[in-house]
Each structure stands twice: as C-alpha cells, then as structure tokens.
Amino acid sequence: MSDVITIVGAESTGKTTLAADLAEALAQEGLRVARVDEYLREFCMARGRTPQVHEQAGIAREQARRIEAAMATHDIVVADTSALMIAVYSDLIFGDASLYVMAEAEQRRYRHTLLTALDLPWKADGHMRDGAHVREPVTALVRSSLLRANVPYAVVSGEGPQRLRSALAAVGHGLPDDSPQRPWQWICERCGDADCERHLLARGDR
C-alpha cells in the first residue's frame, strides 16, 4: 500500500505549488511518486463556474477515487487536497455538513496530512477563489474536522524552498540521519481557533 501525503488548507496557501515541489523532491530519491491534482479545479475550469450544492458529493468522491487509483501503482502519492476540502467548503458555503463522514473516513486512511499555513499573501485565481476573508474560517473548519476525525497533521509554513523543507521534514524525508526531526503534532483543544496558527508562527516554531 502506498504512503499518501495529502495537502489541505485554505485557498491561496500554496497547496498546488507545494504538491508539485514535494512530488518532484521525493521522486529524486528514487521513489515511484504520483501527484494527484485537485479535481475541483478541473471541474471549475471545464464549466466556467463553481459547483452547485448537489455536485459537491460527486466531486469529493472523484477526488478520493483518483487518490485510490494512484495508490495502486506508486510508492508515494502526493495529493493536492482531498475530499476533506470539498466537505469544508460545502459546509461553509452551503451549510451542508453531510460530506464530513465520508471525507473524514478517507482522511484517516492517509499516512500524512499537511496543513498549509496562512503566511502567504492571497491572490485571485478566476472562478476558484472566494476572497482572503474566508481563509481563517476555512482553516478553522479544517482543524475542527481533523480533531473530530482524530487525524494528526503538521502545519507547513514558509515561502518557496523553506515551505518545501518544512513539508519534507514533516513526512520524514530530506533530512540527514542525525538531524532532529520535529514530531507530529496532534490538534490541541483550541485548534478550532484560527488564532492558534498565528501564535504558532509568531513564535517561530515553524
């Protein structure tokens, strides 16, 4: 069974770039690496619009299916989001929390969950983005879902190479044997509060 690394987080936090960089770095170690792109982006680009409420479940299932398919033939799968993000946006935008059960069950199957920090500037991206004001609410919902599902995760921060190094350290790659590796962090009881991340980054812990 492949190790699956899923990258989740609010919009404009570098998930797609990080997925590409991480997959390339791991492939250079001689591993068979698959990158699973975000199906939601493909959906929106093909239709020129964002999904309607009745389309959310199908998008979540397709994202999970693509990850599952990649697992069959690769050592490592790097997924640019998972069904969890569809569940979060369905909850935030439509008030529909029904997708969490499926999405959280899928998330528990994956080896690593990386949450992208809010330390990058927001940038517009056509039909795909709602605005900088939704990033903290989205992050809070992601954290709450991971807590509910008992899924450990690591926050990935920094720009460019620093963000990649943070991700590699979190998944246990790219470090010399004698280098200290930061342990996985379980979600604290306050992590539904987006302020937790700002305080963490302000202290320079990541």
N, C-alpha and C. Protein backbone atom coordinates (compact mmCIF):
# COMPACT_ATOMS: atom_id res chain seq x y z
N MET A 1 0.84 -1.20 0.00
CA MET A 1 0.00 0.00 0.00
C MET A 1 0.88 1.25 0.00
N SER A 2 0.54 2.22 -0.80
CA SER A 2 1.31 3.45 -0.89
C SER A 2 1.15 4.31 0.35
N ASP A 3 2.18 5.11 0.61
CA ASP A 3 2.06 6.19 1.58
C ASP A 3 1.39 7.36 0.87
N VAL A 4 0.32 7.88 1.45
CA VAL A 4 -0.39 9.01 0.85
C VAL A 4 -0.13 10.26 1.68
N ILE A 5 0.31 11.31 1.00
CA ILE A 5 0.52 12.61 1.62
C ILE A 5 -0.55 13.54 1.07
N THR A 6 -1.45 14.00 1.90
CA THR A 6 -2.48 14.93 1.43
C THR A 6 -2.15 16.33 1.93
N ILE A 7 -2.33 17.29 1.06
CA ILE A 7 -2.08 18.69 1.40
C ILE A 7 -3.42 19.41 1.43
N VAL A 8 -3.79 19.90 2.60
CA VAL A 8 -5.07 20.57 2.78
C VAL A 8 -4.82 21.98 3.31
N GLY A 9 -5.82 22.84 3.17
CA GLY A 9 -5.67 24.20 3.66
C GLY A 9 -6.55 25.15 2.88
N ALA A 10 -6.60 26.37 3.34
CA ALA A 10 -7.42 27.40 2.72
C ALA A 10 -6.87 27.78 1.34
N GLU A 11 -7.67 28.54 0.60
CA GLU A 11 -7.26 28.94 -0.73
C GLU A 11 -6.05 29.88 -0.67
N SER A 12 -5.26 29.84 -1.74
CA SER A 12 -4.10 30.71 -1.89
C SER A 12 -3.10 30.53 -0.76
N THR A 13 -2.91 29.28 -0.34
CA THR A 13 -1.87 28.98 0.66
C THR A 13 -0.80 28.07 0.09
N GLY A 14 -0.72 27.99 -1.23
CA GLY A 14 0.39 27.30 -1.87
C GLY A 14 0.28 25.79 -1.96
N LYS A 15 -0.95 25.26 -1.90
CA LYS A 15 -1.11 23.79 -1.92
C LYS A 15 -0.62 23.18 -3.24
N THR A 16 -1.01 23.77 -4.35
CA THR A 16 -0.66 23.19 -5.66
C THR A 16 0.85 23.26 -5.91
N THR A 17 1.45 24.40 -5.61
CA THR A 17 2.90 24.53 -5.77
C THR A 17 3.64 23.56 -4.87
N LEU A 18 3.19 23.45 -3.62
CA LEU A 18 3.85 22.55 -2.68
C LEU A 18 3.71 21.10 -3.14
N ALA A 19 2.54 20.72 -3.63
CA ALA A 19 2.35 19.34 -4.11
C ALA A 19 3.32 19.02 -5.23
N ALA A 20 3.48 19.94 -6.17
CA ALA A 20 4.40 19.72 -7.29
C ALA A 20 5.84 19.63 -6.81
N ASP A 21 6.24 20.55 -5.94
CA ASP A 21 7.62 20.56 -5.44
C ASP A 21 7.91 19.33 -4.60
N LEU A 22 6.95 18.94 -3.77
CA LEU A 22 7.14 17.78 -2.90
C LEU A 22 7.24 16.49 -3.71
N ALA A 23 6.37 16.35 -4.69
CA ALA A 23 6.41 15.16 -5.54
C ALA A 23 7.73 15.07 -6.29
N GLU A 24 8.22 16.19 -6.80
CA GLU A 24 9.49 16.19 -7.52
C GLU A 24 10.65 15.83 -6.59
N ALA A 25 10.64 16.39 -5.39
CA ALA A 25 11.73 16.11 -4.45
C ALA A 25 11.75 14.64 -4.04
N LEU A 26 10.59 14.06 -3.81
CA LEU A 26 10.53 12.65 -3.42
C LEU A 26 10.91 11.73 -4.58
N ALA A 27 10.54 12.12 -5.79
CA ALA A 27 10.91 11.32 -6.96
C ALA A 27 12.42 11.29 -7.15
N GLN A 28 13.10 12.37 -6.78
CA GLN A 28 14.55 12.42 -6.91
C GLN A 28 15.24 11.46 -5.96
N GLU A 29 14.51 10.96 -4.96
CA GLU A 29 15.06 9.95 -4.06
C GLU A 29 14.90 8.54 -4.63
N GLY A 30 14.38 8.44 -5.85
CA GLY A 30 14.23 7.15 -6.50
C GLY A 30 12.91 6.46 -6.21
N LEU A 31 11.98 7.17 -5.61
CA LEU A 31 10.67 6.61 -5.29
C LEU A 31 9.72 6.78 -6.47
N ARG A 32 8.77 5.86 -6.57
CA ARG A 32 7.71 5.99 -7.58
C ARG A 32 6.64 6.89 -6.98
N VAL A 33 6.56 8.10 -7.48
CA VAL A 33 5.69 9.11 -6.88
C VAL A 33 4.61 9.53 -7.88
N ALA A 34 3.37 9.56 -7.41
CA ALA A 34 2.26 10.07 -8.21
C ALA A 34 1.75 11.36 -7.58
N ARG A 35 1.45 12.34 -8.41
CA ARG A 35 0.82 13.56 -7.92
C ARG A 35 -0.63 13.56 -8.39
N VAL A 36 -1.54 13.69 -7.45
CA VAL A 36 -2.96 13.74 -7.78
C VAL A 36 -3.41 15.19 -7.66
N ASP A 37 -3.78 15.77 -8.78
CA ASP A 37 -4.19 17.17 -8.79
C ASP A 37 -5.60 17.35 -8.24
N GLU A 38 -5.93 18.59 -7.99
CA GLU A 38 -7.23 18.93 -7.41
C GLU A 38 -8.34 18.80 -8.48
N TYR A 39 -9.25 17.87 -8.27
CA TYR A 39 -10.32 17.68 -9.25
C TYR A 39 -11.26 18.88 -9.28
N LEU A 40 -11.45 19.55 -8.16
CA LEU A 40 -12.33 20.72 -8.14
C LEU A 40 -11.88 21.77 -9.14
N ARG A 41 -10.59 21.99 -9.24
CA ARG A 41 -10.07 22.97 -10.21
C ARG A 41 -10.43 22.54 -11.63
N GLU A 42 -10.24 21.27 -11.93
CA GLU A 42 -10.59 20.75 -13.26
C GLU A 42 -12.08 20.94 -13.54
N PHE A 43 -12.90 20.66 -12.55
CA PHE A 43 -14.36 20.82 -12.68
C PHE A 43 -14.71 22.27 -13.01
N CYS A 44 -14.14 23.21 -12.25
CA CYS A 44 -14.47 24.62 -12.44
C CYS A 44 -13.96 25.15 -13.79
N MET A 45 -12.77 24.74 -14.18
CA MET A 45 -12.22 25.20 -15.45
C MET A 45 -13.04 24.68 -16.62
N ALA A 46 -13.52 23.45 -16.53
CA ALA A 46 -14.29 22.86 -17.62
C ALA A 46 -15.66 23.52 -17.78
N ARG A 47 -16.23 23.98 -16.67
CA ARG A 47 -17.60 24.52 -16.70
C ARG A 47 -17.65 26.03 -16.59
N GLY A 48 -16.54 26.66 -16.25
CA GLY A 48 -16.51 28.11 -16.10
C GLY A 48 -17.30 28.60 -14.91
N ARG A 49 -17.44 27.77 -13.91
CA ARG A 49 -18.21 28.15 -12.71
C ARG A 49 -17.80 27.26 -11.55
N THR A 50 -18.22 27.66 -10.36
CA THR A 50 -18.02 26.82 -9.18
C THR A 50 -19.18 25.83 -9.05
N PRO A 51 -19.01 24.77 -8.26
CA PRO A 51 -20.05 23.74 -8.16
C PRO A 51 -21.31 24.23 -7.44
N GLN A 52 -22.40 23.58 -7.76
CA GLN A 52 -23.64 23.76 -7.02
C GLN A 52 -23.71 22.72 -5.91
N VAL A 53 -24.63 22.92 -4.98
CA VAL A 53 -24.65 22.08 -3.79
C VAL A 53 -24.80 20.60 -4.13
N HIS A 54 -25.62 20.27 -5.13
CA HIS A 54 -25.84 18.86 -5.44
C HIS A 54 -24.66 18.21 -6.15
N GLU A 55 -23.67 19.01 -6.56
CA GLU A 55 -22.50 18.47 -7.25
C GLU A 55 -21.32 18.20 -6.31
N GLN A 56 -21.43 18.66 -5.08
CA GLN A 56 -20.31 18.56 -4.15
C GLN A 56 -19.92 17.12 -3.84
N ALA A 57 -20.90 16.28 -3.58
CA ALA A 57 -20.61 14.89 -3.20
C ALA A 57 -19.87 14.16 -4.31
N GLY A 58 -20.28 14.37 -5.55
CA GLY A 58 -19.62 13.72 -6.67
C GLY A 58 -18.17 14.16 -6.82
N ILE A 59 -17.91 15.44 -6.56
CA ILE A 59 -16.53 15.95 -6.64
C ILE A 59 -15.68 15.33 -5.55
N ALA A 60 -16.23 15.24 -4.35
CA ALA A 60 -15.50 14.62 -3.23
C ALA A 60 -15.17 13.16 -3.54
N ARG A 61 -16.15 12.43 -4.06
CA ARG A 61 -15.91 11.02 -4.39
C ARG A 61 -14.86 10.87 -5.48
N GLU A 62 -14.90 11.75 -6.48
CA GLU A 62 -13.92 11.65 -7.57
C GLU A 62 -12.51 11.95 -7.08
N GLN A 63 -12.37 12.93 -6.19
CA GLN A 63 -11.04 13.20 -5.63
C GLN A 63 -10.51 11.98 -4.89
N ALA A 64 -11.36 11.36 -4.07
CA ALA A 64 -10.96 10.16 -3.33
C ALA A 64 -10.64 9.01 -4.28
N ARG A 65 -11.43 8.88 -5.35
CA ARG A 65 -11.20 7.79 -6.31
C ARG A 65 -9.85 7.95 -6.99
N ARG A 66 -9.50 9.17 -7.36
CA ARG A 66 -8.22 9.40 -8.04
C ARG A 66 -7.04 9.10 -7.13
N ILE A 67 -7.16 9.44 -5.86
CA ILE A 67 -6.10 9.11 -4.91
C ILE A 67 -5.98 7.60 -4.79
N GLU A 68 -7.11 6.92 -4.67
CA GLU A 68 -7.12 5.46 -4.55
C GLU A 68 -6.48 4.81 -5.77
N ALA A 69 -6.78 5.30 -6.95
CA ALA A 69 -6.22 4.72 -8.17
C ALA A 69 -4.70 4.89 -8.21
N ALA A 70 -4.22 6.04 -7.79
CA ALA A 70 -2.77 6.28 -7.79
C ALA A 70 -2.06 5.39 -6.78
N MET A 71 -2.72 5.06 -5.70
CA MET A 71 -2.11 4.23 -4.66
C MET A 71 -1.75 2.84 -5.17
N ALA A 72 -2.46 2.38 -6.18
CA ALA A 72 -2.26 1.00 -6.65
C ALA A 72 -0.93 0.80 -7.37
N THR A 73 -0.33 1.87 -7.88
CA THR A 73 0.83 1.70 -8.75
C THR A 73 2.04 2.55 -8.35
N HIS A 74 1.99 3.18 -7.17
CA HIS A 74 3.09 4.06 -6.78
C HIS A 74 3.49 3.83 -5.33
N ASP A 75 4.73 4.20 -5.01
CA ASP A 75 5.21 4.10 -3.63
C ASP A 75 4.61 5.20 -2.75
N ILE A 76 4.54 6.40 -3.32
CA ILE A 76 4.04 7.56 -2.60
C ILE A 76 3.07 8.31 -3.49
N VAL A 77 1.98 8.76 -2.90
CA VAL A 77 1.01 9.60 -3.59
C VAL A 77 0.98 10.95 -2.89
N VAL A 78 1.18 12.02 -3.64
CA VAL A 78 1.07 13.38 -3.11
C VAL A 78 -0.21 13.98 -3.69
N ALA A 79 -1.17 14.25 -2.82
CA ALA A 79 -2.48 14.72 -3.28
C ALA A 79 -2.66 16.20 -2.98
N ASP A 80 -2.94 16.95 -4.02
CA ASP A 80 -3.26 18.37 -3.91
C ASP A 80 -4.71 18.49 -3.47
N THR A 81 -4.90 18.40 -2.19
CA THR A 81 -6.17 18.37 -1.45
C THR A 81 -6.79 16.97 -1.48
N SER A 82 -7.78 16.83 -0.65
CA SER A 82 -8.53 15.57 -0.52
C SER A 82 -10.01 15.90 -0.45
N ALA A 83 -10.82 14.88 -0.28
CA ALA A 83 -12.26 15.09 -0.16
C ALA A 83 -12.61 15.98 1.03
N LEU A 84 -11.71 16.06 2.00
CA LEU A 84 -11.97 16.89 3.18
C LEU A 84 -12.22 18.34 2.81
N MET A 85 -11.47 18.86 1.83
CA MET A 85 -11.66 20.26 1.46
C MET A 85 -13.02 20.49 0.80
N ILE A 86 -13.52 19.50 0.07
CA ILE A 86 -14.86 19.63 -0.51
C ILE A 86 -15.90 19.67 0.61
N ALA A 87 -15.71 18.83 1.62
CA ALA A 87 -16.63 18.82 2.76
C ALA A 87 -16.61 20.16 3.48
N VAL A 88 -15.43 20.73 3.66
CA VAL A 88 -15.31 22.01 4.35
C VAL A 88 -16.02 23.12 3.59
N TYR A 89 -15.78 23.22 2.28
CA TYR A 89 -16.42 24.28 1.51
C TYR A 89 -17.92 24.05 1.37
N SER A 90 -18.34 22.80 1.33
CA SER A 90 -19.78 22.51 1.29
C SER A 90 -20.45 23.00 2.56
N ASP A 91 -19.76 22.83 3.68
CA ASP A 91 -20.26 23.30 4.97
C ASP A 91 -20.27 24.83 5.01
N LEU A 92 -19.16 25.44 4.61
CA LEU A 92 -19.02 26.90 4.71
C LEU A 92 -19.97 27.64 3.77
N ILE A 93 -20.07 27.18 2.54
CA ILE A 93 -20.82 27.91 1.52
C ILE A 93 -22.30 27.55 1.51
N PHE A 94 -22.59 26.26 1.66
CA PHE A 94 -23.98 25.79 1.53
C PHE A 94 -24.62 25.39 2.85
N GLY A 95 -23.85 25.39 3.93
CA GLY A 95 -24.39 24.94 5.21
C GLY A 95 -24.70 23.45 5.22
N ASP A 96 -24.02 22.69 4.38
CA ASP A 96 -24.24 21.25 4.26
C ASP A 96 -23.05 20.51 4.86
N ALA A 97 -23.25 19.90 6.01
CA ALA A 97 -22.17 19.19 6.70
C ALA A 97 -22.20 17.69 6.42
N SER A 98 -23.00 17.26 5.47
CA SER A 98 -23.20 15.82 5.25
C SER A 98 -21.97 15.10 4.69
N LEU A 99 -21.04 15.83 4.09
CA LEU A 99 -19.90 15.18 3.45
C LEU A 99 -18.76 14.87 4.41
N TYR A 100 -18.84 15.37 5.63
CA TYR A 100 -17.74 15.14 6.57
C TYR A 100 -17.54 13.66 6.88
N VAL A 101 -18.61 12.91 7.00
CA VAL A 101 -18.48 11.49 7.38
C VAL A 101 -17.60 10.75 6.38
N MET A 102 -17.94 10.90 5.10
CA MET A 102 -17.15 10.24 4.06
C MET A 102 -15.73 10.80 4.00
N ALA A 103 -15.61 12.12 4.04
CA ALA A 103 -14.30 12.76 3.88
C ALA A 103 -13.36 12.42 5.03
N GLU A 104 -13.89 12.41 6.24
CA GLU A 104 -13.04 12.11 7.40
C GLU A 104 -12.62 10.64 7.41
N ALA A 105 -13.51 9.75 6.96
CA ALA A 105 -13.14 8.33 6.86
C ALA A 105 -11.99 8.15 5.87
N GLU A 106 -12.05 8.87 4.74
CA GLU A 106 -10.96 8.80 3.77
C GLU A 106 -9.67 9.38 4.36
N GLN A 107 -9.79 10.50 5.05
CA GLN A 107 -8.59 11.16 5.58
C GLN A 107 -7.86 10.28 6.59
N ARG A 108 -8.58 9.50 7.35
CA ARG A 108 -7.95 8.61 8.33
C ARG A 108 -7.11 7.53 7.65
N ARG A 109 -7.37 7.24 6.39
CA ARG A 109 -6.63 6.20 5.67
C ARG A 109 -5.27 6.69 5.19
N TYR A 110 -5.07 8.00 5.13
CA TYR A 110 -3.86 8.55 4.54
C TYR A 110 -2.75 8.67 5.58
N ARG A 111 -1.53 8.45 5.15
CA ARG A 111 -0.39 8.40 6.07
C ARG A 111 -0.07 9.78 6.66
N HIS A 112 -0.07 10.80 5.82
CA HIS A 112 0.34 12.14 6.27
C HIS A 112 -0.70 13.17 5.83
N THR A 113 -0.99 14.10 6.72
CA THR A 113 -1.83 15.25 6.39
C THR A 113 -1.02 16.51 6.68
N LEU A 114 -0.82 17.32 5.65
CA LEU A 114 -0.10 18.58 5.78
C LEU A 114 -1.10 19.72 5.63
N LEU A 115 -1.12 20.62 6.60
CA LEU A 115 -1.99 21.80 6.57
C LEU A 115 -1.15 23.01 6.22
N THR A 116 -1.47 23.68 5.12
CA THR A 116 -0.70 24.85 4.70
C THR A 116 -1.08 26.06 5.53
N ALA A 117 -0.06 26.75 6.03
CA ALA A 117 -0.26 27.90 6.90
C ALA A 117 -0.77 29.11 6.11
N LEU A 118 -1.27 30.09 6.85
CA LEU A 118 -1.84 31.30 6.25
C LEU A 118 -0.80 32.41 6.10
N ASP A 119 0.46 32.04 5.91
CA ASP A 119 1.53 33.04 5.87
C ASP A 119 1.88 33.50 4.47
N LEU A 120 1.11 33.10 3.46
CA LEU A 120 1.32 33.58 2.09
C LEU A 120 0.23 34.58 1.73
N PRO A 121 0.54 35.59 0.91
CA PRO A 121 -0.48 36.57 0.53
C PRO A 121 -1.56 35.94 -0.35
N TRP A 122 -2.78 36.43 -0.19
CA TRP A 122 -3.89 35.92 -1.01
C TRP A 122 -3.77 36.47 -2.42
N LYS A 123 -4.06 35.62 -3.42
CA LYS A 123 -4.05 36.04 -4.82
C LYS A 123 -5.31 35.54 -5.50
N ALA A 124 -5.89 36.37 -6.36
CA ALA A 124 -7.08 35.97 -7.11
C ALA A 124 -6.73 34.88 -8.11
N ASP A 125 -7.73 34.03 -8.42
CA ASP A 125 -7.49 32.91 -9.34
C ASP A 125 -8.77 32.56 -10.07
N GLY A 126 -9.32 33.51 -10.81
CA GLY A 126 -10.50 33.24 -11.62
C GLY A 126 -11.70 32.80 -10.80
N HIS A 127 -12.32 31.69 -11.23
CA HIS A 127 -13.53 31.20 -10.58
C HIS A 127 -13.25 30.48 -9.26
N MET A 128 -11.99 30.22 -8.97
CA MET A 128 -11.67 29.27 -7.92
C MET A 128 -11.68 29.85 -6.51
N ARG A 129 -11.57 31.15 -6.35
CA ARG A 129 -11.33 31.69 -5.02
C ARG A 129 -12.41 32.67 -4.59
N ASP A 130 -12.68 32.64 -3.28
CA ASP A 130 -13.76 33.44 -2.71
C ASP A 130 -13.28 34.73 -2.09
N GLY A 131 -12.03 34.83 -1.69
CA GLY A 131 -11.50 36.04 -1.08
C GLY A 131 -10.69 35.74 0.16
N ALA A 132 -9.83 36.69 0.51
CA ALA A 132 -8.95 36.49 1.66
C ALA A 132 -9.73 36.31 2.96
N HIS A 133 -10.94 36.88 3.02
CA HIS A 133 -11.71 36.84 4.26
C HIS A 133 -12.17 35.43 4.64
N VAL A 134 -12.15 34.49 3.70
CA VAL A 134 -12.63 33.13 4.02
C VAL A 134 -11.50 32.22 4.48
N ARG A 135 -10.27 32.68 4.43
CA ARG A 135 -9.17 31.77 4.73
C ARG A 135 -9.16 31.32 6.19
N GLU A 136 -9.38 32.24 7.11
CA GLU A 136 -9.38 31.83 8.52
C GLU A 136 -10.57 30.94 8.85
N PRO A 137 -11.79 31.25 8.40
CA PRO A 137 -12.90 30.32 8.65
C PRO A 137 -12.66 28.93 8.06
N VAL A 138 -12.08 28.87 6.87
CA VAL A 138 -11.78 27.57 6.25
C VAL A 138 -10.76 26.81 7.09
N THR A 139 -9.71 27.48 7.51
CA THR A 139 -8.69 26.82 8.32
C THR A 139 -9.29 26.31 9.63
N ALA A 140 -10.17 27.10 10.23
CA ALA A 140 -10.82 26.66 11.47
C ALA A 140 -11.65 25.40 11.25
N LEU A 141 -12.37 25.34 10.14
CA LEU A 141 -13.18 24.15 9.84
C LEU A 141 -12.30 22.94 9.55
N VAL A 142 -11.20 23.14 8.86
CA VAL A 142 -10.28 22.03 8.59
C VAL A 142 -9.74 21.47 9.90
N ARG A 143 -9.29 22.36 10.78
CA ARG A 143 -8.74 21.92 12.07
C ARG A 143 -9.80 21.18 12.89
N SER A 144 -11.01 21.71 12.90
CA SER A 144 -12.09 21.08 13.66
C SER A 144 -12.39 19.69 13.12
N SER A 145 -12.38 19.54 11.81
CA SER A 145 -12.65 18.25 11.20
C SER A 145 -11.55 17.24 11.53
N LEU A 146 -10.31 17.67 11.45
CA LEU A 146 -9.20 16.78 11.77
C LEU A 146 -9.24 16.36 13.24
N LEU A 147 -9.62 17.27 14.11
CA LEU A 147 -9.77 16.95 15.53
C LEU A 147 -10.87 15.91 15.73
N ARG A 148 -12.00 16.15 15.09
CA ARG A 148 -13.14 15.23 15.22
C ARG A 148 -12.77 13.84 14.69
N ALA A 149 -12.01 13.80 13.62
CA ALA A 149 -11.64 12.52 13.00
C ALA A 149 -10.42 11.88 13.64
N ASN A 150 -9.82 12.57 14.59
CA ASN A 150 -8.62 12.06 15.27
C ASN A 150 -7.48 11.82 14.28
N VAL A 151 -7.31 12.78 13.38
CA VAL A 151 -6.26 12.70 12.36
C VAL A 151 -5.12 13.64 12.73
N PRO A 152 -3.90 13.13 12.94
CA PRO A 152 -2.76 14.02 13.21
C PRO A 152 -2.35 14.76 11.94
N TYR A 153 -1.76 15.94 12.13
CA TYR A 153 -1.34 16.71 10.97
C TYR A 153 -0.14 17.57 11.35
N ALA A 154 0.53 18.09 10.35
CA ALA A 154 1.63 19.04 10.55
C ALA A 154 1.32 20.31 9.78
N VAL A 155 1.59 21.46 10.40
CA VAL A 155 1.44 22.75 9.73
C VAL A 155 2.71 23.03 8.94
N VAL A 156 2.54 23.37 7.67
CA VAL A 156 3.67 23.66 6.79
C VAL A 156 3.68 25.16 6.50
N SER A 157 4.79 25.80 6.78
CA SER A 157 4.88 27.25 6.62
C SER A 157 6.17 27.64 5.91
N GLY A 158 6.30 28.93 5.63
CA GLY A 158 7.49 29.44 4.94
C GLY A 158 7.22 29.63 3.46
N GLU A 159 8.12 30.33 2.80
CA GLU A 159 7.97 30.60 1.37
C GLU A 159 8.99 29.81 0.56
N GLY A 160 8.57 29.37 -0.62
CA GLY A 160 9.47 28.72 -1.56
C GLY A 160 10.17 27.51 -0.97
N PRO A 161 11.50 27.47 -1.05
CA PRO A 161 12.25 26.31 -0.56
C PRO A 161 12.01 26.03 0.92
N GLN A 162 11.75 27.07 1.70
CA GLN A 162 11.51 26.86 3.13
C GLN A 162 10.23 26.06 3.35
N ARG A 163 9.21 26.33 2.55
CA ARG A 163 7.94 25.59 2.68
C ARG A 163 8.15 24.12 2.30
N LEU A 164 8.93 23.90 1.26
CA LEU A 164 9.23 22.52 0.86
C LEU A 164 10.02 21.80 1.95
N ARG A 165 11.00 22.47 2.53
CA ARG A 165 11.78 21.84 3.60
C ARG A 165 10.89 21.50 4.79
N SER A 166 9.96 22.38 5.09
CA SER A 166 9.02 22.12 6.18
C SER A 166 8.20 20.88 5.90
N ALA A 167 7.75 20.73 4.66
CA ALA A 167 6.95 19.56 4.28
C ALA A 167 7.78 18.28 4.31
N LEU A 168 8.99 18.34 3.78
CA LEU A 168 9.86 17.16 3.78
C LEU A 168 10.17 16.71 5.20
N ALA A 169 10.42 17.66 6.09
CA ALA A 169 10.67 17.31 7.48
C ALA A 169 9.46 16.65 8.11
N ALA A 170 8.27 17.15 7.78
CA ALA A 170 7.04 16.62 8.38
C ALA A 170 6.78 15.18 7.97
N VAL A 171 7.16 14.83 6.74
CA VAL A 171 6.91 13.46 6.27
C VAL A 171 8.13 12.55 6.43
N GLY A 172 9.20 13.09 7.03
CA GLY A 172 10.35 12.26 7.34
C GLY A 172 11.29 12.03 6.19
N HIS A 173 11.33 12.95 5.23
CA HIS A 173 12.25 12.84 4.09
C HIS A 173 13.10 14.10 4.02
N GLY A 174 14.24 13.97 3.37
CA GLY A 174 15.06 15.14 3.11
C GLY A 174 15.88 15.61 4.29
N LEU A 175 16.00 14.79 5.35
CA LEU A 175 16.82 15.16 6.49
C LEU A 175 17.99 14.18 6.63
N PRO A 176 19.18 14.66 6.96
CA PRO A 176 20.27 13.73 7.28
C PRO A 176 19.88 12.87 8.47
N ASP A 177 20.50 11.71 8.58
CA ASP A 177 20.14 10.77 9.63
C ASP A 177 20.28 11.36 11.02
N ASP A 178 21.25 12.29 11.22
CA ASP A 178 21.49 12.82 12.55
C ASP A 178 20.78 14.15 12.78
N SER A 179 19.90 14.55 11.85
CA SER A 179 19.19 15.82 12.02
C SER A 179 17.97 15.63 12.88
N PRO A 180 17.69 16.59 13.77
CA PRO A 180 16.48 16.47 14.58
C PRO A 180 15.25 16.62 13.71
N GLN A 181 14.25 15.82 13.94
CA GLN A 181 13.01 15.88 13.18
C GLN A 181 11.87 16.25 14.12
N ARG A 182 11.14 17.27 13.77
CA ARG A 182 10.03 17.70 14.60
C ARG A 182 8.95 16.63 14.61
N PRO A 183 8.46 16.24 15.78
CA PRO A 183 7.44 15.20 15.84
C PRO A 183 6.10 15.69 15.32
N TRP A 184 5.26 14.72 14.97
CA TRP A 184 3.89 15.06 14.58
C TRP A 184 3.17 15.74 15.73
N GLN A 185 2.34 16.70 15.40
CA GLN A 185 1.56 17.40 16.41
C GLN A 185 0.11 16.98 16.32
N TRP A 186 -0.47 16.59 17.44
CA TRP A 186 -1.90 16.36 17.50
C TRP A 186 -2.59 17.68 17.73
N ILE A 187 -3.80 17.77 17.30
CA ILE A 187 -4.54 19.02 17.40
C ILE A 187 -4.90 19.29 18.85
N CYS A 188 -4.58 20.47 19.33
CA CYS A 188 -4.95 20.82 20.70
C CYS A 188 -6.43 21.19 20.76
N GLU A 189 -6.94 21.32 21.96
CA GLU A 189 -8.37 21.56 22.11
C GLU A 189 -8.78 22.93 21.61
N ARG A 190 -7.82 23.85 21.39
CA ARG A 190 -8.14 25.19 20.91
C ARG A 190 -7.95 25.34 19.41
N CYS A 191 -7.60 24.26 18.71
CA CYS A 191 -7.20 24.43 17.32
C CYS A 191 -8.36 24.67 16.37
N GLY A 192 -9.59 24.73 16.86
CA GLY A 192 -10.67 25.23 16.03
C GLY A 192 -10.58 26.73 15.85
N ASP A 193 -9.68 27.36 16.63
CA ASP A 193 -9.48 28.80 16.59
C ASP A 193 -8.32 29.11 15.65
N ALA A 194 -8.58 29.85 14.58
CA ALA A 194 -7.51 30.14 13.62
C ALA A 194 -6.38 30.94 14.24
N ASP A 195 -6.64 31.63 15.37
CA ASP A 195 -5.58 32.37 16.03
C ASP A 195 -4.45 31.46 16.48
N CYS A 196 -4.75 30.19 16.75
CA CYS A 196 -3.71 29.27 17.21
C CYS A 196 -2.54 29.25 16.23
N GLU A 197 -2.84 29.23 14.95
CA GLU A 197 -1.78 29.16 13.95
C GLU A 197 -0.97 30.44 13.93
N ARG A 198 -1.62 31.58 14.06
CA ARG A 198 -0.88 32.84 14.03
C ARG A 198 0.09 32.93 15.20
N HIS A 199 -0.36 32.47 16.37
CA HIS A 199 0.52 32.49 17.54
C HIS A 199 1.69 31.54 17.33
N LEU A 200 1.42 30.38 16.75
CA LEU A 200 2.48 29.40 16.49
C LEU A 200 3.54 29.97 15.58
N LEU A 201 3.11 30.58 14.48
CA LEU A 201 4.06 31.12 13.52
C LEU A 201 4.81 32.32 14.09
N ALA A 202 4.11 33.12 14.92
CA ALA A 202 4.75 34.30 15.50
C ALA A 202 5.89 33.91 16.43
N ARG A 203 5.78 32.74 17.07
CA ARG A 203 6.83 32.28 17.97
C ARG A 203 8.03 31.72 17.21
N GLY A 204 7.84 31.50 15.89
CA GLY A 204 8.94 30.96 15.10
C GLY A 204 9.15 29.48 15.30
N ASP A 205 8.09 28.76 15.75
CA ASP A 205 8.22 27.33 15.98
C ASP A 205 8.32 26.57 14.67
N ARG A 206 7.84 27.20 13.56
CA ARG A 206 7.91 26.53 12.26
C ARG A 206 8.47 27.48 11.23
